[in-house]
PDB file of N, CA and C in Angstrom:
ATOM      1  N   MET A   1       2.191  -8.549  34.292  1.00  0.00           N
ATOM      2  CA  MET A   1       2.817  -9.222  33.160  1.00  0.00           C
ATOM      3  C   MET A   1       2.847 -10.727  33.381  1.00  0.00           C
ATOM      4  N   ALA A   2       3.027 -11.156  34.630  1.00  0.00           N
ATOM      5  CA  ALA A   2       3.055 -12.584  34.894  1.00  0.00           C
ATOM      6  C   ALA A   2       1.726 -13.228  34.541  1.00  0.00           C
ATOM      7  N   LEU A   3       0.627 -12.542  34.835  1.00  0.00           N
ATOM      8  CA  LEU A   3      -0.697 -13.055  34.498  1.00  0.00           C
ATOM      9  C   LEU A   3      -0.868 -13.128  32.985  1.00  0.00           C
ATOM     10  N   LEU A   4      -0.422 -12.101  32.287  1.00  0.00           N
ATOM     11  CA  LEU A   4      -0.515 -12.086  30.838  1.00  0.00           C
ATOM     12  C   LEU A   4       0.351 -13.178  30.226  1.00  0.00           C
ATOM     13  N   ASP A   5       1.523 -13.398  30.789  1.00  0.00           N
ATOM     14  CA  ASP A   5       2.410 -14.451  30.285  1.00  0.00           C
ATOM     15  C   ASP A   5       1.747 -15.821  30.362  1.00  0.00           C
ATOM     16  N   LYS A   6       0.925 -16.052  31.394  1.00  0.00           N
ATOM     17  CA  LYS A   6       0.235 -17.335  31.536  1.00  0.00           C
ATOM     18  C   LYS A   6      -0.802 -17.540  30.437  1.00  0.00           C
ATOM     19  N   ALA A   7      -1.317 -16.459  29.866  1.00  0.00           N
ATOM     20  CA  ALA A   7      -2.342 -16.551  28.825  1.00  0.00           C
ATOM     21  C   ALA A   7      -1.750 -16.792  27.436  1.00  0.00           C
ATOM     22  N   ILE A   8      -0.448 -16.556  27.273  1.00  0.00           N
ATOM     23  CA  ILE A   8       0.190 -16.733  25.970  1.00  0.00           C
ATOM     24  C   ILE A   8      -0.050 -18.169  25.492  1.00  0.00           C
ATOM     25  N   GLY A   9      -0.521 -18.275  24.254  1.00  0.00           N
ATOM     26  CA  GLY A   9      -0.791 -19.576  23.659  1.00  0.00           C
ATOM     27  C   GLY A   9      -2.248 -20.009  23.773  1.00  0.00           C
ATOM     28  N   ALA A  10      -3.015 -19.343  24.635  1.00  0.00           N
ATOM     29  CA  ALA A  10      -4.425 -19.692  24.784  1.00  0.00           C
ATOM     30  C   ALA A  10      -5.204 -19.208  23.559  1.00  0.00           C
ATOM     31  N   THR A  11      -6.244 -19.946  23.219  1.00  0.00           N
ATOM     32  CA  THR A  11      -7.128 -19.557  22.128  1.00  0.00           C
ATOM     33  C   THR A  11      -8.399 -18.999  22.737  1.00  0.00           C
ATOM     34  N   ILE A  12      -8.812 -17.810  22.258  1.00  0.00           N
ATOM     35  CA  ILE A  12      -9.993 -17.148  22.808  1.00  0.00           C
ATOM     36  C   ILE A  12     -10.884 -16.634  21.679  1.00  0.00           C
ATOM     37  N   ASP A  13     -12.163 -16.491  21.981  1.00  0.00           N
ATOM     38  CA  ASP A  13     -13.119 -15.887  21.061  1.00  0.00           C
ATOM     39  C   ASP A  13     -13.280 -14.438  21.494  1.00  0.00           C
ATOM     40  N   VAL A  14     -13.020 -13.507  20.588  1.00  0.00           N
ATOM     41  CA  VAL A  14     -13.061 -12.089  20.944  1.00  0.00           C
ATOM     42  C   VAL A  14     -14.057 -11.330  20.074  1.00  0.00           C
ATOM     43  N   GLY A  15     -14.608 -10.292  20.651  1.00  0.00           N
ATOM     44  CA  GLY A  15     -15.394  -9.332  19.886  1.00  0.00           C
ATOM     45  C   GLY A  15     -14.460  -8.232  19.448  1.00  0.00           C
ATOM     46  N   VAL A  16     -14.543  -7.875  18.183  1.00  0.00           N
ATOM     47  CA  VAL A  16     -13.671  -6.847  17.628  1.00  0.00           C
ATOM     48  C   VAL A  16     -14.568  -5.762  17.038  1.00  0.00           C
ATOM     49  N   ILE A  17     -14.338  -4.523  17.431  1.00  0.00           N
ATOM     50  CA  ILE A  17     -15.092  -3.402  16.878  1.00  0.00           C
ATOM     51  C   ILE A  17     -14.096  -2.388  16.338  1.00  0.00           C
ATOM     52  N   GLY A  18     -14.260  -2.054  15.076  1.00  0.00           N
ATOM     53  CA  GLY A  18     -13.442  -1.022  14.454  1.00  0.00           C
ATOM     54  C   GLY A  18     -14.301   0.189  14.179  1.00  0.00           C
ATOM     55  N   PHE A  19     -13.838   1.351  14.556  1.00  0.00           N
ATOM     56  CA  PHE A  19     -14.560   2.589  14.301  1.00  0.00           C
ATOM     57  C   PHE A  19     -13.691   3.463  13.415  1.00  0.00           C
ATOM     58  N   PHE A  20     -14.253   3.924  12.300  1.00  0.00           N
ATOM     59  CA  PHE A  20     -13.501   4.680  11.312  1.00  0.00           C
ATOM     60  C   PHE A  20     -14.294   5.921  10.907  1.00  0.00           C
ATOM     61  N   VAL A  21     -13.608   6.999  10.613  1.00  0.00           N
ATOM     62  CA  VAL A  21     -14.221   8.181  10.027  1.00  0.00           C
ATOM     63  C   VAL A  21     -13.428   8.491   8.763  1.00  0.00           C
ATOM     64  N   LEU A  22     -14.142   8.482   7.640  1.00  0.00           N
ATOM     65  CA  LEU A  22     -13.509   8.701   6.346  1.00  0.00           C
ATOM     66  C   LEU A  22     -14.293   9.743   5.563  1.00  0.00           C
ATOM     67  N   PRO A  23     -13.636  10.425   4.635  1.00  0.00           N
ATOM     68  CA  PRO A  23     -14.400  11.285   3.731  1.00  0.00           C
ATOM     69  C   PRO A  23     -15.336  10.408   2.898  1.00  0.00           C
ATOM     70  N   LEU A  24     -16.559  10.847   2.721  1.00  0.00           N
ATOM     71  CA  LEU A  24     -17.520  10.091   1.928  1.00  0.00           C
ATOM     72  C   LEU A  24     -16.961   9.803   0.539  1.00  0.00           C
ATOM     73  N   ALA A  25     -16.227  10.758  -0.016  1.00  0.00           N
ATOM     74  CA  ALA A  25     -15.647  10.601  -1.353  1.00  0.00           C
ATOM     75  C   ALA A  25     -14.607   9.478  -1.416  1.00  0.00           C
ATOM     76  N   ALA A  26     -14.085   9.026  -0.264  1.00  0.00           N
ATOM     77  CA  ALA A  26     -13.101   7.945  -0.248  1.00  0.00           C
ATOM     78  C   ALA A  26     -13.751   6.576  -0.468  1.00  0.00           C
ATOM     79  N   LEU A  27     -15.068   6.515  -0.310  1.00  0.00           N
ATOM     80  CA  LEU A  27     -15.778   5.254  -0.507  1.00  0.00           C
ATOM     81  C   LEU A  27     -16.164   5.110  -1.976  1.00  0.00           C
ATOM     82  N   PRO A  28     -16.117   3.897  -2.508  1.00  0.00           N
ATOM     83  CA  PRO A  28     -16.470   3.694  -3.918  1.00  0.00           C
ATOM     84  C   PRO A  28     -17.917   4.105  -4.208  1.00  0.00           C
ATOM     85  N   GLU A  29     -18.123   4.739  -5.363  1.00  0.00           N
ATOM     86  CA  GLU A  29     -19.471   5.186  -5.730  1.00  0.00           C
ATOM     87  C   GLU A  29     -20.462   4.030  -5.762  1.00  0.00           C
ATOM     88  N   ARG A  30     -20.040   2.866  -6.185  1.00  0.00           N
ATOM     89  CA  ARG A  30     -20.934   1.713  -6.282  1.00  0.00           C
ATOM     90  C   ARG A  30     -20.786   0.761  -5.101  1.00  0.00           C
ATOM     91  N   GLY A  31     -20.126   1.221  -4.051  1.00  0.00           N
ATOM     92  CA  GLY A  31     -19.951   0.403  -2.859  1.00  0.00           C
ATOM     93  C   GLY A  31     -21.201   0.392  -1.995  1.00  0.00           C
ATOM     94  N   LEU A  32     -21.141  -0.314  -0.889  1.00  0.00           N
ATOM     95  CA  LEU A  32     -22.295  -0.477  -0.008  1.00  0.00           C
ATOM     96  C   LEU A  32     -22.866   0.843   0.483  1.00  0.00           C
ATOM     97  N   VAL A  33     -22.030   1.763   0.893  1.00  0.00           N
ATOM     98  CA  VAL A  33     -22.521   2.987   1.530  1.00  0.00           C
ATOM     99  C   VAL A  33     -22.939   4.029   0.497  1.00  0.00           C
ATOM    100  N   ARG A  34     -22.051   4.402  -0.390  1.00  0.00           N
ATOM    101  CA  ARG A  34     -22.375   5.504  -1.327  1.00  0.00           C
ATOM    102  C   ARG A  34     -23.514   5.161  -2.260  1.00  0.00           C
ATOM    103  N   SER A  35     -23.680   3.887  -2.590  1.00  0.00           N
ATOM    104  CA  SER A  35     -24.794   3.525  -3.469  1.00  0.00           C
ATOM    105  C   SER A  35     -26.138   3.726  -2.770  1.00  0.00           C
ATOM    106  N   LEU A  36     -26.136   3.722  -1.444  1.00  0.00           N
ATOM    107  CA  LEU A  36     -27.376   3.930  -0.683  1.00  0.00           C
ATOM    108  C   LEU A  36     -27.565   5.367  -0.226  1.00  0.00           C
ATOM    109  N   TYR A  37     -26.511   6.151  -0.264  1.00  0.00           N
ATOM    110  CA  TYR A  37     -26.573   7.554   0.167  1.00  0.00           C
ATOM    111  C   TYR A  37     -27.265   8.349  -0.935  1.00  0.00           C
ATOM    112  N   THR A  38     -28.585   8.304  -0.901  1.00  0.00           N
ATOM    113  CA  THR A  38     -29.369   8.900  -1.978  1.00  0.00           C
ATOM    114  C   THR A  38     -30.287   9.983  -1.437  1.00  0.00           C
ATOM    115  N   GLU A  39     -30.739  10.797  -2.358  1.00  0.00           N
ATOM    116  CA  GLU A  39     -31.630  11.898  -1.994  1.00  0.00           C
ATOM    117  C   GLU A  39     -32.793  11.932  -2.980  1.00  0.00           C
ATOM    118  N   GLN A  40     -33.970  12.099  -2.454  1.00  0.00           N
ATOM    119  CA  GLN A  40     -35.173  12.231  -3.283  1.00  0.00           C
ATOM    120  C   GLN A  40     -35.842  13.555  -2.931  1.00  0.00           C
ATOM    121  N   ALA A  41     -36.276  14.277  -3.937  1.00  0.00           N
ATOM    122  CA  ALA A  41     -36.964  15.548  -3.708  1.00  0.00           C
ATOM    123  C   ALA A  41     -38.312  15.495  -4.408  1.00  0.00           C
ATOM    124  N   THR A  42     -39.332  15.944  -3.704  1.00  0.00           N
ATOM    125  CA  THR A  42     -40.667  16.002  -4.270  1.00  0.00           C
ATOM    126  C   THR A  42     -41.490  17.038  -3.522  1.00  0.00           C
ATOM    127  N   ALA A  43     -42.245  17.802  -4.254  1.00  0.00           N
ATOM    128  CA  ALA A  43     -43.157  18.800  -3.674  1.00  0.00           C
ATOM    129  C   ALA A  43     -42.472  19.698  -2.649  1.00  0.00           C
ATOM    130  N   GLY A  44     -41.243  20.119  -2.954  1.00  0.00           N
ATOM    131  CA  GLY A  44     -40.532  21.018  -2.054  1.00  0.00           C
ATOM    132  C   GLY A  44     -39.931  20.338  -0.833  1.00  0.00           C
ATOM    133  N   MET A  45     -40.008  19.026  -0.765  1.00  0.00           N
ATOM    134  CA  MET A  45     -39.484  18.267   0.377  1.00  0.00           C
ATOM    135  C   MET A  45     -38.333  17.394  -0.109  1.00  0.00           C
ATOM    136  N   THR A  46     -37.308  17.264   0.729  1.00  0.00           N
ATOM    137  CA  THR A  46     -36.162  16.421   0.399  1.00  0.00           C
ATOM    138  C   THR A  46     -35.999  15.353   1.472  1.00  0.00           C
ATOM    139  N   ILE A  47     -35.796  14.126   1.022  1.00  0.00           N
ATOM    140  CA  ILE A  47     -35.535  13.002   1.931  1.00  0.00           C
ATOM    141  C   ILE A  47     -34.217  12.379   1.506  1.00  0.00           C
ATOM    142  N   LYS A  48     -33.339  12.193   2.490  1.00  0.00           N
ATOM    143  CA  LYS A  48     -32.020  11.643   2.201  1.00  0.00           C
ATOM    144  C   LYS A  48     -31.724  10.508   3.184  1.00  0.00           C
ATOM    145  N   LEU A  49     -31.270   9.377   2.660  1.00  0.00           N
ATOM    146  CA  LEU A  49     -30.811   8.280   3.511  1.00  0.00           C
ATOM    147  C   LEU A  49     -29.385   8.605   3.926  1.00  0.00           C
ATOM    148  N   THR A  50     -29.165   8.830   5.225  1.00  0.00           N
ATOM    149  CA  THR A  50     -27.856   9.268   5.706  1.00  0.00           C
ATOM    150  C   THR A  50     -27.179   8.263   6.622  1.00  0.00           C
ATOM    151  N   GLY A  51     -27.769   7.088   6.775  1.00  0.00           N
ATOM    152  CA  GLY A  51     -27.148   6.084   7.631  1.00  0.00           C
ATOM    153  C   GLY A  51     -27.910   4.791   7.582  1.00  0.00           C
ATOM    154  N   GLY A  52     -27.278   3.757   8.128  1.00  0.00           N
ATOM    155  CA  GLY A  52     -27.918   2.458   8.153  1.00  0.00           C
ATOM    156  C   GLY A  52     -27.051   1.420   8.824  1.00  0.00           C
ATOM    157  N   ARG A  53     -27.579   0.197   8.842  1.00  0.00           N
ATOM    158  CA  ARG A  53     -26.864  -0.914   9.450  1.00  0.00           C
ATOM    159  C   ARG A  53     -27.042  -2.136   8.563  1.00  0.00           C
ATOM    160  N   PHE A  54     -25.921  -2.750   8.223  1.00  0.00           N
ATOM    161  CA  PHE A  54     -25.933  -4.005   7.487  1.00  0.00           C
ATOM    162  C   PHE A  54     -25.725  -5.126   8.499  1.00  0.00           C
ATOM    163  N   SER A  55     -26.570  -6.136   8.471  1.00  0.00           N
ATOM    164  CA  SER A  55     -26.378  -7.334   9.294  1.00  0.00           C
ATOM    165  C   SER A  55     -25.840  -8.422   8.383  1.00  0.00           C
ATOM    166  N   ILE A  56     -24.803  -9.102   8.838  1.00  0.00           N
ATOM    167  CA  ILE A  56     -24.116 -10.086   8.004  1.00  0.00           C
ATOM    168  C   ILE A  56     -24.105 -11.424   8.726  1.00  0.00           C
ATOM    169  N   THR A  57     -24.421 -12.488   8.012  1.00  0.00           N
ATOM    170  CA  THR A  57     -24.318 -13.840   8.572  1.00  0.00           C
ATOM    171  C   THR A  57     -23.343 -14.642   7.717  1.00  0.00           C
ATOM    172  N   GLY A  58     -22.739 -15.642   8.333  1.00  0.00           N
ATOM    173  CA  GLY A  58     -21.827 -16.508   7.607  1.00  0.00           C
ATOM    174  C   GLY A  58     -20.422 -15.967   7.452  1.00  0.00           C
ATOM    175  N   ALA A  59     -20.087 -14.927   8.191  1.00  0.00           N
ATOM    176  CA  ALA A  59     -18.745 -14.330   8.123  1.00  0.00           C
ATOM    177  C   ALA A  59     -18.368 -13.841   9.510  1.00  0.00           C
ATOM    178  N   PRO A  60     -17.087 -13.645   9.769  1.00  0.00           N
ATOM    179  CA  PRO A  60     -16.694 -13.096  11.076  1.00  0.00           C
ATOM    180  C   PRO A  60     -17.281 -11.709  11.342  1.00  0.00           C
ATOM    181  N   VAL A  61     -17.426 -10.893  10.287  1.00  0.00           N
ATOM    182  CA  VAL A  61     -18.051  -9.579  10.451  1.00  0.00           C
ATOM    183  C   VAL A  61     -19.543  -9.801  10.623  1.00  0.00           C
ATOM    184  N   GLN A  62     -20.087  -9.268  11.709  1.00  0.00           N
ATOM    185  CA  GLN A  62     -21.501  -9.455  12.023  1.00  0.00           C
ATOM    186  C   GLN A  62     -22.357  -8.277  11.599  1.00  0.00           C
ATOM    187  N   SER A  63     -21.794  -7.073  11.670  1.00  0.00           N
ATOM    188  CA  SER A  63     -22.568  -5.903  11.269  1.00  0.00           C
ATOM    189  C   SER A  63     -21.650  -4.755  10.890  1.00  0.00           C
ATOM    190  N   ILE A  64     -22.210  -3.896  10.043  1.00  0.00           N
ATOM    191  CA  ILE A  64     -21.547  -2.659   9.652  1.00  0.00           C
ATOM    192  C   ILE A  64     -22.583  -1.559   9.811  1.00  0.00           C
ATOM    193  N   THR A  65     -22.260  -0.570  10.612  1.00  0.00           N
ATOM    194  CA  THR A  65     -23.142   0.566  10.831  1.00  0.00           C
ATOM    195  C   THR A  65     -22.474   1.796  10.234  1.00  0.00           C
ATOM    196  N   TRP A  66     -23.257   2.604   9.533  1.00  0.00           N
ATOM    197  CA  TRP A  66     -22.678   3.797   8.911  1.00  0.00           C
ATOM    198  C   TRP A  66     -23.610   4.983   9.070  1.00  0.00           C
ATOM    199  N   GLY A  67     -23.019   6.157   9.064  1.00  0.00           N
ATOM    200  CA  GLY A  67     -23.794   7.382   9.125  1.00  0.00           C
ATOM    201  C   GLY A  67     -22.971   8.547   8.629  1.00  0.00           C
ATOM    202  N   VAL A  68     -23.573   9.327   7.749  1.00  0.00           N
ATOM    203  CA  VAL A  68     -22.915  10.535   7.267  1.00  0.00           C
ATOM    204  C   VAL A  68     -23.100  11.594   8.332  1.00  0.00           C
ATOM    205  N   GLN A  69     -22.017  12.193   8.757  1.00  0.00           N
ATOM    206  CA  GLN A  69     -22.075  13.184   9.820  1.00  0.00           C
ATOM    207  C   GLN A  69     -22.712  14.460   9.301  1.00  0.00           C
ATOM    208  N   GLN A  70     -23.641  14.985  10.092  1.00  0.00           N
ATOM    209  CA  GLN A  70     -24.400  16.168   9.692  1.00  0.00           C
ATOM    210  C   GLN A  70     -23.468  17.340   9.400  1.00  0.00           C
ATOM    211  N   ASN A  71     -23.794  18.090   8.352  1.00  0.00           N
ATOM    212  CA  ASN A  71     -23.006  19.259   7.923  1.00  0.00           C
ATOM    213  C   ASN A  71     -21.556  18.895   7.626  1.00  0.00           C
ATOM    214  N   SER A  72     -21.341  17.684   7.126  1.00  0.00           N
ATOM    215  CA  SER A  72     -19.989  17.223   6.864  1.00  0.00           C
ATOM    216  C   SER A  72     -19.999  16.349   5.620  1.00  0.00           C
ATOM    217  N   LYS A  73     -18.856  16.125   5.098  1.00  0.00           N
ATOM    218  CA  LYS A  73     -18.699  15.173   3.995  1.00  0.00           C
ATOM    219  C   LYS A  73     -17.988  13.918   4.491  1.00  0.00           C
ATOM    220  N   ASP A  74     -18.028  13.697   5.810  1.00  0.00           N
ATOM    221  CA  ASP A  74     -17.407  12.514   6.404  1.00  0.00           C
ATOM    222  C   ASP A  74     -18.464  11.485   6.752  1.00  0.00           C
ATOM    223  N   VAL A  75     -18.058  10.240   6.733  1.00  0.00           N
ATOM    224  CA  VAL A  75     -18.949   9.150   7.122  1.00  0.00           C
ATOM    225  C   VAL A  75     -18.289   8.383   8.271  1.00  0.00           C
ATOM    226  N   ALA A  76     -19.079   8.122   9.309  1.00  0.00           N
ATOM    227  CA  ALA A  76     -18.614   7.312  10.438  1.00  0.00           C
ATOM    228  C   ALA A  76     -19.009   5.867  10.162  1.00  0.00           C
ATOM    229  N   LEU A  77     -18.080   4.964  10.335  1.00  0.00           N
ATOM    230  CA  LEU A  77     -18.293   3.547  10.049  1.00  0.00           C
ATOM    231  C   LEU A  77     -17.906   2.731  11.272  1.00  0.00           C
ATOM    232  N   GLN A  78     -18.745   1.775  11.611  1.00  0.00           N
ATOM    233  CA  GLN A  78     -18.414   0.849  12.699  1.00  0.00           C
ATOM    234  C   GLN A  78     -18.561  -0.565  12.178  1.00  0.00           C
ATOM    235  N   ILE A  79     -17.506  -1.353  12.320  1.00  0.00           N
ATOM    236  CA  ILE A  79     -17.516  -2.755  11.919  1.00  0.00           C
ATOM    237  C   ILE A  79     -17.434  -3.590  13.185  1.00  0.00           C
ATOM    238  N   GLN A  80     -18.403  -4.481  13.359  1.00  0.00           N
ATOM    239  CA  GLN A  80     -18.448  -5.343  14.538  1.00  0.00           C
ATOM    240  C   GLN A  80     -18.258  -6.784  14.086  1.00  0.00           C
ATOM    241  N   ALA A  81     -17.359  -7.499  14.758  1.00  0.00           N
ATOM    242  CA  ALA A  81     -17.028  -8.863  14.341  1.00  0.00           C
ATOM    243  C   ALA A  81     -16.691  -9.736  15.543  1.00  0.00           C
ATOM    244  N   ARG A  82     -16.676 -11.031  15.300  1.00  0.00           N
ATOM    245  CA  ARG A  82     -16.190 -12.003  16.281  1.00  0.00           C
ATOM    246  C   ARG A  82     -15.111 -12.815  15.592  1.00  0.00           C
ATOM    247  N   LYS A  83     -14.089 -13.145  16.363  1.00  0.00           N
ATOM    248  CA  LYS A  83     -12.958 -13.862  15.776  1.00  0.00           C
ATOM    249  C   LYS A  83     -12.286 -14.699  16.855  1.00  0.00           C
ATOM    250  N   THR A  84     -11.871 -15.886  16.489  1.00  0.00           N
ATOM    251  CA  THR A  84     -11.100 -16.736  17.394  1.00  0.00           C
ATOM    252  C   THR A  84      -9.623 -16.480  17.120  1.00  0.00           C
ATOM    253  N   VAL A  85      -8.896 -16.150  18.179  1.00  0.00           N
ATOM    254  CA  VAL A  85      -7.475 -15.837  18.032  1.00  0.00           C
ATOM    255  C   VAL A  85      -6.660 -16.563  19.094  1.00  0.00           C
ATOM    256  N   ARG A  86      -5.418 -16.697  18.801  1.00  0.00           N
ATOM    257  CA  ARG A  86      -4.462 -17.260  19.757  1.00  0.00           C
ATOM    258  C   ARG A  86      -3.701 -16.089  20.367  1.00  0.00           C
ATOM    259  N   ILE A  87      -3.646 -16.051  21.676  1.00  0.00           N
ATOM    260  CA  ILE A  87      -2.947 -14.958  22.349  1.00  0.00           C
ATOM    261  C   ILE A  87      -1.438 -15.144  22.184  1.00  0.00           C
ATOM    262  N   GLU A  88      -0.862 -14.192  21.505  1.00  0.00           N
ATOM    263  CA  GLU A  88       0.584 -14.141  21.302  1.00  0.00           C
ATOM    264  C   GLU A  88       1.015 -12.701  21.578  1.00  0.00           C
ATOM    265  N   ALA A  89       2.282 -12.460  21.556  1.00  0.00           N
ATOM    266  CA  ALA A  89       2.791 -11.123  21.862  1.00  0.00           C
ATOM    267  C   ALA A  89       2.242 -10.060  20.904  1.00  0.00           C
ATOM    268  N   THR A  90       1.903 -10.455  19.687  1.00  0.00           N
ATOM    269  CA  THR A  90       1.465  -9.487  18.674  1.00  0.00           C
ATOM    270  C   THR A  90      -0.021  -9.607  18.332  1.00  0.00           C
ATOM    271  N   TYR A  91      -0.813 -10.305  19.147  1.00  0.00           N
ATOM    272  CA  TYR A  91      -2.197 -10.571  18.736  1.00  0.00           C
ATOM    273  C   TYR A  91      -3.037  -9.301  18.638  1.00  0.00           C
ATOM    274  N   LEU A  92      -2.798  -8.298  19.478  1.00  0.00           N
ATOM    275  CA  LEU A  92      -3.578  -7.059  19.377  1.00  0.00           C
ATOM    276  C   LEU A  92      -3.273  -6.321  18.072  1.00  0.00           C
ATOM    277  N   GLN A  93      -2.012  -6.277  17.686  1.00  0.00           N
ATOM    278  CA  GLN A  93      -1.644  -5.655  16.415  1.00  0.00           C
ATOM    279  C   GLN A  93      -2.245  -6.441  15.256  1.00  0.00           C
ATOM    280  N   GLU A  94      -2.241  -7.763  15.359  1.00  0.00           N
ATOM    281  CA  GLU A  94      -2.822  -8.593  14.313  1.00  0.00           C
ATOM    282  C   GLU A  94      -4.326  -8.349  14.184  1.00  0.00           C
ATOM    283  N   LEU A  95      -5.033  -8.165  15.315  1.00  0.00           N
ATOM    284  CA  LEU A  95      -6.460  -7.850  15.269  1.00  0.00           C
ATOM    285  C   LEU A  95      -6.706  -6.478  14.649  1.00  0.00           C
ATOM    286  N   LEU A  96      -5.877  -5.517  14.976  1.00  0.00           N
ATOM    287  CA  LEU A  96      -5.995  -4.188  14.380  1.00  0.00           C
ATOM    288  C   LEU A  96      -5.801  -4.263  12.865  1.00  0.00           C
ATOM    289  N   ASP A  97      -4.778  -4.984  12.434  1.00  0.00           N
ATOM    290  CA  ASP A  97      -4.541  -5.151  11.003  1.00  0.00           C
ATOM    291  C   ASP A  97      -5.721  -5.869  10.344  1.00  0.00           C
ATOM    292  N   TRP A  98      -6.281  -6.866  11.032  1.00  0.00           N
ATOM    293  CA  TRP A  98      -7.396  -7.638  10.485  1.00  0.00           C
ATOM    294  C   TRP A  98      -8.643  -6.765  10.314  1.00  0.00           C
ATOM    295  N   ILE A  99      -8.995  -5.979  11.335  1.00  0.00           N
ATOM    296  CA  ILE A  99     -10.205  -5.154  11.228  1.00  0.00           C
ATOM    297  C   ILE A  99     -10.016  -4.062  10.182  1.00  0.00           C
ATOM    298  N   ASN A 100      -8.806  -3.544  10.036  1.00  0.00           N
ATOM    299  CA  ASN A 100      -8.526  -2.598   8.953  1.00  0.00           C
ATOM    300  C   ASN A 100      -8.688  -3.270   7.591  1.00  0.00           C
ATOM    301  N   GLY A 101      -8.308  -4.532   7.515  1.00  0.00           N
ATOM    302  CA  GLY A 101      -8.500  -5.302   6.287  1.00  0.00           C
ATOM    303  C   GLY A 101      -9.973  -5.490   5.959  1.00  0.00           C
ATOM    304  N   GLN A 102     -10.800  -5.658   6.987  1.00  0.00           N
ATOM    305  CA  GLN A 102     -12.239  -5.807   6.775  1.00  0.00           C
ATOM    306  C   GLN A 102     -12.839  -4.519   6.227  1.00  0.00           C
ATOM    307  N   LEU A 103     -12.332  -3.380   6.692  1.00  0.00           N
ATOM    308  CA  LEU A 103     -12.758  -2.094   6.145  1.00  0.00           C
ATOM    309  C   LEU A 103     -12.474  -2.064   4.644  1.00  0.00           C
ATOM    310  N   GLY A 104     -11.290  -2.467   4.270  1.00  0.00           N
ATOM    311  CA  GLY A 104     -10.933  -2.493   2.858  1.00  0.00           C
ATOM    312  C   GLY A 104     -11.776  -3.463   2.058  1.00  0.00           C
ATOM    313  N   LEU A 105     -12.018  -4.627   2.599  1.00  0.00           N
ATOM    314  CA  LEU A 105     -12.750  -5.670   1.895  1.00  0.00           C
ATOM    315  C   LEU A 105     -14.221  -5.326   1.705  1.00  0.00           C
ATOM    316  N   TYR A 106     -14.886  -4.888   2.769  1.00  0.00           N
ATOM    317  CA  TYR A 106     -16.323  -4.657   2.717  1.00  0.00           C
ATOM    318  C   TYR A 106     -16.707  -3.258   2.219  1.00  0.00           C
ATOM    319  N   LEU A 107     -15.928  -2.258   2.564  1.00  0.00           N
ATOM    320  CA  LEU A 107     -16.356  -0.887   2.298  1.00  0.00           C
ATOM    321  C   LEU A 107     -15.518  -0.150   1.275  1.00  0.00           C
ATOM    322  N   LEU A 108     -14.281  -0.513   1.133  1.00  0.00           N
ATOM    323  CA  LEU A 108     -13.433   0.146   0.138  1.00  0.00           C
ATOM    324  C   LEU A 108     -13.261  -0.736  -1.084  1.00  0.00           C
ATOM    325  N   THR A 109     -13.889  -1.908  -1.067  1.00  0.00           N
ATOM    326  CA  THR A 109     -13.863  -2.920  -2.133  1.00  0.00           C
ATOM    327  C   THR A 109     -12.443  -3.241  -2.589  1.00  0.00           C
ATOM    328  N   ARG A 110     -11.605  -3.444  -1.628  1.00  0.00           N
ATOM    329  CA  ARG A 110     -10.229  -3.879  -1.918  1.00  0.00           C
ATOM    330  C   ARG A 110     -10.101  -5.317  -1.465  1.00  0.00           C
ATOM    331  N   GLY A 111      -9.498  -6.127  -2.289  1.00  0.00           N
ATOM    332  CA  GLY A 111      -9.263  -7.525  -1.931  1.00  0.00           C
ATOM    333  C   GLY A 111      -8.177  -7.646  -0.891  1.00  0.00           C
ATOM    334  N   LYS A 112      -7.855  -8.873  -0.548  1.00  0.00           N
ATOM    335  CA  LYS A 112      -6.844  -9.117   0.491  1.00  0.00           C
ATOM    336  C   LYS A 112      -5.476  -8.552   0.110  1.00  0.00           C
ATOM    337  N   ASP A 113      -5.220  -8.417  -1.193  1.00  0.00           N
ATOM    338  CA  ASP A 113      -3.927  -7.886  -1.609  1.00  0.00           C
ATOM    339  C   ASP A 113      -3.899  -6.360  -1.645  1.00  0.00           C
ATOM    340  N   GLY A 114      -5.044  -5.720  -1.292  1.00  0.00           N
ATOM    341  CA  GLY A 114      -5.090  -4.264  -1.241  1.00  0.00           C
ATOM    342  C   GLY A 114      -5.541  -3.611  -2.530  1.00  0.00           C
ATOM    343  N   GLY A 115      -5.653  -4.395  -3.619  1.00  0.00           N
ATOM    344  CA  GLY A 115      -6.094  -3.824  -4.880  1.00  0.00           C
ATOM    345  C   GLY A 115      -7.597  -3.765  -4.985  1.00  0.00           C
ATOM    346  N   GLU A 116      -8.075  -2.964  -5.927  1.00  0.00           N
ATOM    347  CA  GLU A 116      -9.527  -2.864  -6.128  1.00  0.00           C
ATOM    348  C   GLU A 116      -9.996  -3.855  -7.160  1.00  0.00           C
TER     349      GLU A 116
END
């Protein structure tokens, strides 16, 4: 704890990764993931896009990786970001709240106030 106390107030650049599993139906139909989750059938063959990776520049979020879990209606989502934070007693909780907010903003199409 003494070592941690010495770090209080320091500013650091951190990598933040959020991993989420949600029902596919919880994502907006016209959102990033469900709009790409498509299926094409031809000549008795079916091809379905079941995952991908978005690379993002100009924002703290650097990438979003998604994949629909086989034999499931759930989608696994990973959000990777970098953020500069000040170490305070609540900084880990603040980072958790922030990455959850990014899930809402990018994938659930909810603004900062939580509305759609």
